[in-house]
Amino acid sequence: MFFFLSKTIYFVLMPIGLILIGFLLSIVLKSEKWKKRCRNVTFGLLLFFTNPFLANEAMEQWEIPPIPYQQLTKKYDLAIVLTGVANNTKEPRDRIYFNKGADRVTHSLQLYKKGIVKKILLSGGTGSLNHVDYREADQLKEALLLMGVPEKDIILENESANTRGSAVNTHRFIAEQPHYQNLLLVTSSFHMRRASGCYEKVGLKTDLFPVDFYTHPRKWDILQLVPTVDALKMWSVIIHEVLGVMAYWAMGYI
């Protein structure tokens, strides 16, 4: 139930949802004064959420900064790589379709090839209300095998449906395999606050390796005033994660 409600509430509170609600209110309200107010607010929201400069500044405050490889001064027994980076609806199902977050896989591969991590644990089943038979960790394993990682160095946790479940299931695995001491948590930078909070809550101590960044160096030019769809997407990611952290805190997950 929590999973279903969280997906529904997130959709309603996304920027596009707020803009759509304002637009509909400007049509259905009887009062001309309130119709005008709704139109003005809706137009203001549209300008705000599509401004690339403001979106980049906000995301800069939320993302966890990247960590240079040379700052990783110890070897890790396990890199815990969270899923959520593939398209589980695309046909045919004879390949993996990566979304933007493919850095979670490619940077983990770099960590492995550089000898910084000994093994890779892929954590995540399905985060979809549909396609419940899809297990993303299984798909990412196939990708890593193609990239040259031996099967003995890939561990699967393919039952969790969200970040909380990933932390709980991984903690259970580590409890049964106590020789895994040094752990490195790998996920998207925007998602690291929630992920690290969940892992800390269940008692797993991990170092953090954020990947998959939205932000770019601050730019001062006229193009930063031109509305973009990318800015709208960036705000959606920020709001989704802020609400996620709040919901997880309320549920006692972090």
C-alpha atoms as a PDB file:
ATOM      1  CA  MET A   1       0.000   0.000   0.000  1.00  0.00           C
ATOM      2  CA  PHE A   2       2.815   2.403   0.891  1.00  0.00           C
ATOM      3  CA  PHE A   3       4.457   1.663  -2.464  1.00  0.00           C
ATOM      4  CA  PHE A   4       1.248   2.402  -4.392  1.00  0.00           C
ATOM      5  CA  LEU A   5       0.405   5.555  -2.442  1.00  0.00           C
ATOM      6  CA  SER A   6       3.926   6.929  -2.758  1.00  0.00           C
ATOM      7  CA  LYS A   7       3.839   6.555  -6.550  1.00  0.00           C
ATOM      8  CA  THR A   8       0.434   8.281  -6.742  1.00  0.00           C
ATOM      9  CA  ILE A   9       1.294  11.184  -4.432  1.00  0.00           C
ATOM     10  CA  TYR A  10       4.584  11.812  -6.200  1.00  0.00           C
ATOM     11  CA  PHE A  11       2.788  12.120  -9.533  1.00  0.00           C
ATOM     12  CA  VAL A  12       0.268  14.641  -8.182  1.00  0.00           C
ATOM     13  CA  LEU A  13       2.963  16.827  -6.594  1.00  0.00           C
ATOM     14  CA  MET A  14       5.326  16.873  -9.559  1.00  0.00           C
ATOM     15  CA  PRO A  15       5.763  20.255 -11.343  1.00  0.00           C
ATOM     16  CA  ILE A  16       3.731  19.120 -14.331  1.00  0.00           C
ATOM     17  CA  GLY A  17       0.961  18.011 -11.984  1.00  0.00           C
ATOM     18  CA  LEU A  18       0.880  21.365 -10.207  1.00  0.00           C
ATOM     19  CA  ILE A  19       0.834  23.217 -13.526  1.00  0.00           C
ATOM     20  CA  LEU A  20      -1.956  21.015 -14.823  1.00  0.00           C
ATOM     21  CA  ILE A  21      -4.043  21.550 -11.680  1.00  0.00           C
ATOM     22  CA  GLY A  22      -3.597  25.318 -11.948  1.00  0.00           C
ATOM     23  CA  PHE A  23      -4.584  25.247 -15.611  1.00  0.00           C
ATOM     24  CA  LEU A  24      -7.715  23.187 -14.913  1.00  0.00           C
ATOM     25  CA  LEU A  25      -8.736  25.478 -12.051  1.00  0.00           C
ATOM     26  CA  SER A  26      -8.400  28.499 -14.336  1.00  0.00           C
ATOM     27  CA  ILE A  27     -11.015  26.859 -16.565  1.00  0.00           C
ATOM     28  CA  VAL A  28     -13.542  25.374 -14.144  1.00  0.00           C
ATOM     29  CA  LEU A  29     -13.712  28.099 -11.482  1.00  0.00           C
ATOM     30  CA  LYS A  30     -16.715  30.394 -11.796  1.00  0.00           C
ATOM     31  CA  SER A  31     -15.124  33.514 -10.328  1.00  0.00           C
ATOM     32  CA  GLU A  32     -13.274  35.547 -12.948  1.00  0.00           C
ATOM     33  CA  LYS A  33     -11.014  36.951 -10.233  1.00  0.00           C
ATOM     34  CA  TRP A  34      -9.914  33.479  -9.161  1.00  0.00           C
ATOM     35  CA  LYS A  35      -9.616  32.328 -12.751  1.00  0.00           C
ATOM     36  CA  LYS A  36      -7.174  35.157 -13.397  1.00  0.00           C
ATOM     37  CA  ARG A  37      -5.223  34.371 -10.240  1.00  0.00           C
ATOM     38  CA  CYS A  38      -4.940  30.720 -11.231  1.00  0.00           C
ATOM     39  CA  ARG A  39      -3.729  31.666 -14.706  1.00  0.00           C
ATOM     40  CA  ASN A  40      -1.086  33.994 -13.261  1.00  0.00           C
ATOM     41  CA  VAL A  41       0.100  31.401 -10.728  1.00  0.00           C
ATOM     42  CA  THR A  42       0.178  28.695 -13.382  1.00  0.00           C
ATOM     43  CA  PHE A  43       2.192  30.875 -15.746  1.00  0.00           C
ATOM     44  CA  GLY A  44       4.579  31.752 -12.912  1.00  0.00           C
ATOM     45  CA  LEU A  45       5.041  28.064 -12.044  1.00  0.00           C
ATOM     46  CA  LEU A  46       5.704  27.275 -15.683  1.00  0.00           C
ATOM     47  CA  LEU A  47       8.413  29.956 -15.937  1.00  0.00           C
ATOM     48  CA  PHE A  48       9.961  28.915 -12.630  1.00  0.00           C
ATOM     49  CA  PHE A  49      10.103  25.179 -13.253  1.00  0.00           C
ATOM     50  CA  THR A  50      11.407  25.515 -16.814  1.00  0.00           C
ATOM     51  CA  ASN A  51      14.232  27.936 -15.960  1.00  0.00           C
ATOM     52  CA  PRO A  52      17.520  26.015 -16.460  1.00  0.00           C
ATOM     53  CA  PHE A  53      19.596  28.289 -14.208  1.00  0.00           C
ATOM     54  CA  LEU A  54      17.297  27.899 -11.198  1.00  0.00           C
ATOM     55  CA  ALA A  55      16.970  24.155 -11.751  1.00  0.00           C
ATOM     56  CA  ASN A  56      20.734  23.699 -11.927  1.00  0.00           C
ATOM     57  CA  GLU A  57      21.281  25.790  -8.786  1.00  0.00           C
ATOM     58  CA  ALA A  58      18.703  23.783  -6.849  1.00  0.00           C
ATOM     59  CA  MET A  59      20.101  20.449  -7.983  1.00  0.00           C
ATOM     60  CA  GLU A  60      23.621  21.609  -7.103  1.00  0.00           C
ATOM     61  CA  GLN A  61      22.477  21.974  -3.495  1.00  0.00           C
ATOM     62  CA  TRP A  62      20.856  18.537  -3.447  1.00  0.00           C
ATOM     63  CA  GLU A  63      23.378  16.350  -5.244  1.00  0.00           C
ATOM     64  CA  ILE A  64      26.243  14.733  -3.351  1.00  0.00           C
ATOM     65  CA  PRO A  65      29.515  15.840  -5.058  1.00  0.00           C
ATOM     66  CA  PRO A  66      31.566  13.336  -7.083  1.00  0.00           C
ATOM     67  CA  ILE A  67      34.511  11.610  -5.436  1.00  0.00           C
ATOM     68  CA  PRO A  68      37.776  11.281  -7.405  1.00  0.00           C
ATOM     69  CA  TYR A  69      39.111   7.745  -7.650  1.00  0.00           C
ATOM     70  CA  GLN A  70      42.406   8.801  -6.059  1.00  0.00           C
ATOM     71  CA  GLN A  71      40.530   9.716  -2.875  1.00  0.00           C
ATOM     72  CA  LEU A  72      39.423   6.098  -2.440  1.00  0.00           C
ATOM     73  CA  THR A  73      42.401   5.051  -0.383  1.00  0.00           C
ATOM     74  CA  LYS A  74      41.242   1.578   0.634  1.00  0.00           C
ATOM     75  CA  LYS A  75      40.058  -1.564  -1.099  1.00  0.00           C
ATOM     76  CA  TYR A  76      36.418  -2.562  -0.794  1.00  0.00           C
ATOM     77  CA  ASP A  77      35.118  -6.086  -0.437  1.00  0.00           C
ATOM     78  CA  LEU A  78      31.837  -5.160  -2.049  1.00  0.00           C
ATOM     79  CA  ALA A  79      30.321  -2.415  -4.177  1.00  0.00           C
ATOM     80  CA  ILE A  80      26.573  -2.272  -3.521  1.00  0.00           C
ATOM     81  CA  VAL A  81      25.025  -0.999  -6.751  1.00  0.00           C
ATOM     82  CA  LEU A  82      21.385   0.063  -6.649  1.00  0.00           C
ATOM     83  CA  THR A  83      19.248  -0.558  -9.709  1.00  0.00           C
ATOM     84  CA  GLY A  84      16.563   1.654 -11.247  1.00  0.00           C
ATOM     85  CA  VAL A  85      18.459   2.515 -14.420  1.00  0.00           C
ATOM     86  CA  ALA A  86      16.762   0.397 -17.072  1.00  0.00           C
ATOM     87  CA  ASN A  87      13.566   0.537 -19.106  1.00  0.00           C
ATOM     88  CA  ASN A  88      11.502  -2.511 -18.188  1.00  0.00           C
ATOM     89  CA  THR A  89       8.723  -1.916 -20.723  1.00  0.00           C
ATOM     90  CA  LYS A  90      10.647  -1.921 -23.977  1.00  0.00           C
ATOM     91  CA  GLU A  91      10.373  -4.867 -26.351  1.00  0.00           C
ATOM     92  CA  PRO A  92      11.951  -7.180 -27.344  1.00  0.00           C
ATOM     93  CA  ARG A  93      13.235  -8.415 -23.980  1.00  0.00           C
ATOM     94  CA  ASP A  94      16.405  -9.898 -25.455  1.00  0.00           C
ATOM     95  CA  ARG A  95      18.569  -6.943 -24.360  1.00  0.00           C
ATOM     96  CA  ILE A  96      18.834  -4.264 -21.667  1.00  0.00           C
ATOM     97  CA  TYR A  97      17.620  -0.737 -22.366  1.00  0.00           C
ATOM     98  CA  PHE A  98      19.540   1.707 -20.192  1.00  0.00           C
ATOM     99  CA  ASN A  99      18.076   4.999 -19.029  1.00  0.00           C
ATOM    100  CA  LYS A 100      20.132   7.995 -17.895  1.00  0.00           C
ATOM    101  CA  GLY A 101      21.383   6.285 -14.734  1.00  0.00           C
ATOM    102  CA  ALA A 102      23.639   3.831 -16.570  1.00  0.00           C
ATOM    103  CA  ASP A 103      26.561   5.454 -14.713  1.00  0.00           C
ATOM    104  CA  ARG A 104      25.632   3.237 -11.783  1.00  0.00           C
ATOM    105  CA  VAL A 105      26.774   0.279 -13.868  1.00  0.00           C
ATOM    106  CA  THR A 106      29.630   1.781 -15.897  1.00  0.00           C
ATOM    107  CA  HIS A 107      31.275   3.521 -12.937  1.00  0.00           C
ATOM    108  CA  SER A 108      30.940   0.357 -10.861  1.00  0.00           C
ATOM    109  CA  LEU A 109      32.689  -1.446 -13.699  1.00  0.00           C
ATOM    110  CA  GLN A 110      35.498   1.106 -13.488  1.00  0.00           C
ATOM    111  CA  LEU A 111      35.767   0.568  -9.738  1.00  0.00           C
ATOM    112  CA  TYR A 112      36.070  -3.155 -10.341  1.00  0.00           C
ATOM    113  CA  LYS A 113      38.572  -2.870 -13.204  1.00  0.00           C
ATOM    114  CA  LYS A 114      40.725  -0.501 -11.156  1.00  0.00           C
ATOM    115  CA  GLY A 115      40.829  -3.042  -8.328  1.00  0.00           C
ATOM    116  CA  ILE A 116      39.080  -0.702  -5.898  1.00  0.00           C
ATOM    117  CA  VAL A 117      36.246  -3.203  -5.316  1.00  0.00           C
ATOM    118  CA  LYS A 118      36.533  -6.989  -5.283  1.00  0.00           C
ATOM    119  CA  LYS A 119      32.908  -7.890  -5.985  1.00  0.00           C
ATOM    120  CA  ILE A 120      29.719  -6.173  -7.141  1.00  0.00           C
ATOM    121  CA  LEU A 121      26.340  -6.681  -5.486  1.00  0.00           C
ATOM    122  CA  LEU A 122      23.428  -5.637  -7.712  1.00  0.00           C
ATOM    123  CA  SER A 123      20.434  -4.739  -5.573  1.00  0.00           C
ATOM    124  CA  GLY A 124      16.928  -4.319  -6.950  1.00  0.00           C
ATOM    125  CA  GLY A 125      13.997  -6.315  -8.250  1.00  0.00           C
ATOM    126  CA  THR A 126      11.174  -4.322  -9.751  1.00  0.00           C
ATOM    127  CA  GLY A 127      10.081  -0.804  -8.902  1.00  0.00           C
ATOM    128  CA  SER A 128       7.085  -0.926 -11.218  1.00  0.00           C
ATOM    129  CA  LEU A 129       3.430  -1.440 -10.433  1.00  0.00           C
ATOM    130  CA  ASN A 130       3.334  -3.404 -13.682  1.00  0.00           C
ATOM    131  CA  HIS A 131       5.849  -5.962 -14.979  1.00  0.00           C
ATOM    132  CA  VAL A 132       6.276  -7.429 -11.492  1.00  0.00           C
ATOM    133  CA  ASP A 133       8.026 -10.433 -12.988  1.00  0.00           C
ATOM    134  CA  TYR A 134      10.889  -8.212 -14.183  1.00  0.00           C
ATOM    135  CA  ARG A 135      14.079  -8.327 -12.098  1.00  0.00           C
ATOM    136  CA  GLU A 136      16.439  -5.526 -13.034  1.00  0.00           C
ATOM    137  CA  ALA A 137      19.403  -6.913 -11.100  1.00  0.00           C
ATOM    138  CA  ASP A 138      19.283  -9.956 -13.371  1.00  0.00           C
ATOM    139  CA  GLN A 139      19.460  -7.724 -16.442  1.00  0.00           C
ATOM    140  CA  LEU A 140      22.354  -5.682 -15.068  1.00  0.00           C
ATOM    141  CA  LYS A 141      24.206  -8.900 -14.304  1.00  0.00           C
ATOM    142  CA  GLU A 142      23.972  -9.857 -17.972  1.00  0.00           C
ATOM    143  CA  ALA A 143      25.398  -6.457 -18.902  1.00  0.00           C
ATOM    144  CA  LEU A 144      28.332  -6.820 -16.506  1.00  0.00           C
ATOM    145  CA  LEU A 145      29.057 -10.304 -17.825  1.00  0.00           C
ATOM    146  CA  LEU A 146      29.228  -8.881 -21.347  1.00  0.00           C
ATOM    147  CA  MET A 147      31.601  -6.205 -20.023  1.00  0.00           C
ATOM    148  CA  GLY A 148      33.986  -8.885 -18.779  1.00  0.00           C
ATOM    149  CA  VAL A 149      33.171  -9.187 -15.076  1.00  0.00           C
ATOM    150  CA  PRO A 150      33.402 -12.855 -13.997  1.00  0.00           C
ATOM    151  CA  GLU A 151      30.161 -14.363 -12.727  1.00  0.00           C
ATOM    152  CA  LYS A 152      31.829 -15.295  -9.421  1.00  0.00           C
ATOM    153  CA  ASP A 153      32.311 -11.606  -8.679  1.00  0.00           C
ATOM    154  CA  ILE A 154      28.658 -10.633  -9.231  1.00  0.00           C
ATOM    155  CA  ILE A 155      26.123 -11.057  -6.423  1.00  0.00           C
ATOM    156  CA  LEU A 156      22.368 -10.610  -6.900  1.00  0.00           C
ATOM    157  CA  GLU A 157      19.717  -9.187  -4.595  1.00  0.00           C
ATOM    158  CA  ASN A 158      16.721  -9.164  -6.932  1.00  0.00           C
ATOM    159  CA  GLU A 159      13.728  -9.142  -4.568  1.00  0.00           C
ATOM    160  CA  SER A 160      13.526  -5.543  -3.326  1.00  0.00           C
ATOM    161  CA  ALA A 161      10.970  -3.111  -4.757  1.00  0.00           C
ATOM    162  CA  ASN A 162      12.402   0.107  -3.317  1.00  0.00           C
ATOM    163  CA  THR A 163      15.406   1.590  -1.540  1.00  0.00           C
ATOM    164  CA  ARG A 164      14.233   0.486   1.892  1.00  0.00           C
ATOM    165  CA  GLY A 165      13.848  -3.084   0.681  1.00  0.00           C
ATOM    166  CA  SER A 166      17.300  -2.956  -0.849  1.00  0.00           C
ATOM    167  CA  ALA A 167      18.831  -1.949   2.484  1.00  0.00           C
ATOM    168  CA  VAL A 168      16.939  -4.615   4.443  1.00  0.00           C
ATOM    169  CA  ASN A 169      17.758  -7.422   2.011  1.00  0.00           C
ATOM    170  CA  THR A 170      21.395  -6.405   1.674  1.00  0.00           C
ATOM    171  CA  HIS A 171      21.756  -6.235   5.454  1.00  0.00           C
ATOM    172  CA  ARG A 172      20.371  -9.759   5.683  1.00  0.00           C
ATOM    173  CA  PHE A 173      22.897 -10.967   3.111  1.00  0.00           C
ATOM    174  CA  ILE A 174      25.837  -9.249   4.827  1.00  0.00           C
ATOM    175  CA  ALA A 175      24.783 -10.725   8.179  1.00  0.00           C
ATOM    176  CA  GLU A 176      25.123 -14.171   6.627  1.00  0.00           C
ATOM    177  CA  GLN A 177      28.428 -13.281   4.950  1.00  0.00           C
ATOM    178  CA  PRO A 178      30.362 -11.419   7.692  1.00  0.00           C
ATOM    179  CA  HIS A 179      33.626 -11.517   5.724  1.00  0.00           C
ATOM    180  CA  TYR A 180      32.324  -8.594   3.667  1.00  0.00           C
ATOM    181  CA  GLN A 181      33.579  -5.744   5.826  1.00  0.00           C
ATOM    182  CA  ASN A 182      34.410  -2.754   3.638  1.00  0.00           C
ATOM    183  CA  LEU A 183      31.323  -1.688   1.681  1.00  0.00           C
ATOM    184  CA  LEU A 184      30.918   0.994  -0.988  1.00  0.00           C
ATOM    185  CA  LEU A 185      27.421   2.225  -1.815  1.00  0.00           C
ATOM    186  CA  VAL A 186      26.951   3.231  -5.456  1.00  0.00           C
ATOM    187  CA  THR A 187      23.864   5.090  -6.651  1.00  0.00           C
ATOM    188  CA  SER A 188      22.869   8.286  -8.409  1.00  0.00           C
ATOM    189  CA  SER A 189      23.993  11.464  -6.706  1.00  0.00           C
ATOM    190  CA  PHE A 190      20.434  12.787  -6.346  1.00  0.00           C
ATOM    191  CA  HIS A 191      19.385   9.489  -4.717  1.00  0.00           C
ATOM    192  CA  MET A 192      22.333   9.109  -2.345  1.00  0.00           C
ATOM    193  CA  ARG A 193      20.776  10.932   0.620  1.00  0.00           C
ATOM    194  CA  ARG A 194      17.818   8.557   0.765  1.00  0.00           C
ATOM    195  CA  ALA A 195      19.885   5.456  -0.001  1.00  0.00           C
ATOM    196  CA  SER A 196      22.598   6.145   2.563  1.00  0.00           C
ATOM    197  CA  GLY A 197      19.947   6.968   5.167  1.00  0.00           C
ATOM    198  CA  CYS A 198      18.240   3.609   4.600  1.00  0.00           C
ATOM    199  CA  TYR A 199      21.479   1.652   4.813  1.00  0.00           C
ATOM    200  CA  GLU A 200      22.565   3.478   7.943  1.00  0.00           C
ATOM    201  CA  LYS A 201      19.163   2.835   9.533  1.00  0.00           C
ATOM    202  CA  VAL A 202      19.446  -0.936   9.130  1.00  0.00           C
ATOM    203  CA  GLY A 203      22.951  -0.855  10.587  1.00  0.00           C
ATOM    204  CA  LEU A 204      25.112  -1.149   7.494  1.00  0.00           C
ATOM    205  CA  LYS A 205      28.125   1.133   7.465  1.00  0.00           C
ATOM    206  CA  THR A 206      29.075   2.081   3.912  1.00  0.00           C
ATOM    207  CA  ASP A 207      31.292   4.594   2.199  1.00  0.00           C
ATOM    208  CA  LEU A 208      29.540   6.554  -0.545  1.00  0.00           C
ATOM    209  CA  PHE A 209      30.305   6.771  -4.247  1.00  0.00           C
ATOM    210  CA  PRO A 210      27.726   8.987  -5.981  1.00  0.00           C
ATOM    211  CA  VAL A 211      27.358   8.785  -9.770  1.00  0.00           C
ATOM    212  CA  ASP A 212      24.954   9.973 -12.487  1.00  0.00           C
ATOM    213  CA  PHE A 213      25.005  13.764 -12.127  1.00  0.00           C
ATOM    214  CA  TYR A 214      22.461  16.237 -13.477  1.00  0.00           C
ATOM    215  CA  THR A 215      24.314  19.452 -12.734  1.00  0.00           C
ATOM    216  CA  HIS A 216      26.805  21.378 -14.844  1.00  0.00           C
ATOM    217  CA  PRO A 217      29.167  24.267 -13.983  1.00  0.00           C
ATOM    218  CA  ARG A 218      27.314  27.523 -13.357  1.00  0.00           C
ATOM    219  CA  LYS A 219      26.809  29.523 -16.546  1.00  0.00           C
ATOM    220  CA  TRP A 220      26.127  33.235 -16.878  1.00  0.00           C
ATOM    221  CA  ASP A 221      24.561  33.737 -20.290  1.00  0.00           C
ATOM    222  CA  ILE A 222      21.248  34.682 -21.835  1.00  0.00           C
ATOM    223  CA  LEU A 223      20.486  31.062 -22.701  1.00  0.00           C
ATOM    224  CA  GLN A 224      19.961  30.382 -18.988  1.00  0.00           C
ATOM    225  CA  LEU A 225      16.743  32.407 -19.260  1.00  0.00           C
ATOM    226  CA  VAL A 226      15.327  30.299 -22.066  1.00  0.00           C
ATOM    227  CA  PRO A 227      12.778  27.751 -20.744  1.00  0.00           C
ATOM    228  CA  THR A 228      13.734  24.102 -21.259  1.00  0.00           C
ATOM    229  CA  VAL A 229      12.089  20.739 -20.736  1.00  0.00           C
ATOM    230  CA  ASP A 230      15.319  19.551 -19.083  1.00  0.00           C
ATOM    231  CA  ALA A 231      14.804  22.068 -16.286  1.00  0.00           C
ATOM    232  CA  LEU A 232      11.304  20.737 -15.701  1.00  0.00           C
ATOM    233  CA  LYS A 233      12.720  17.227 -15.508  1.00  0.00           C
ATOM    234  CA  MET A 234      15.419  18.300 -13.058  1.00  0.00           C
ATOM    235  CA  TRP A 235      12.881  19.891 -10.735  1.00  0.00           C
ATOM    236  CA  SER A 236      10.776  16.722 -10.932  1.00  0.00           C
ATOM    237  CA  VAL A 237      13.773  14.669  -9.787  1.00  0.00           C
ATOM    238  CA  ILE A 238      14.511  17.052  -6.904  1.00  0.00           C
ATOM    239  CA  ILE A 239      10.920  17.147  -5.662  1.00  0.00           C
ATOM    240  CA  HIS A 240      10.566  13.388  -6.023  1.00  0.00           C
ATOM    241  CA  GLU A 241      13.637  12.818  -3.864  1.00  0.00           C
ATOM    242  CA  VAL A 242      12.758  15.442  -1.251  1.00  0.00           C
ATOM    243  CA  LEU A 243       9.308  13.907  -0.872  1.00  0.00           C
ATOM    244  CA  GLY A 244      10.916  10.470  -0.796  1.00  0.00           C
ATOM    245  CA  VAL A 245      13.224  11.433   2.038  1.00  0.00           C
ATOM    246  CA  MET A 246      10.305  12.977   3.957  1.00  0.00           C
ATOM    247  CA  ALA A 247       8.128   9.899   3.443  1.00  0.00           C
ATOM    248  CA  TYR A 248      10.937   7.521   4.459  1.00  0.00           C
ATOM    249  CA  TRP A 249      11.638   9.619   7.552  1.00  0.00           C
ATOM    250  CA  ALA A 250       7.945   9.552   8.506  1.00  0.00           C
ATOM    251  CA  MET A 251       7.873   5.758   8.071  1.00  0.00           C
ATOM    252  CA  GLY A 252      11.027   5.354  10.151  1.00  0.00           C
ATOM    253  CA  TYR A 253      13.067   4.048   7.215  1.00  0.00           C
ATOM    254  CA  ILE A 254      15.828   6.635   7.667  1.00  0.00           C
END
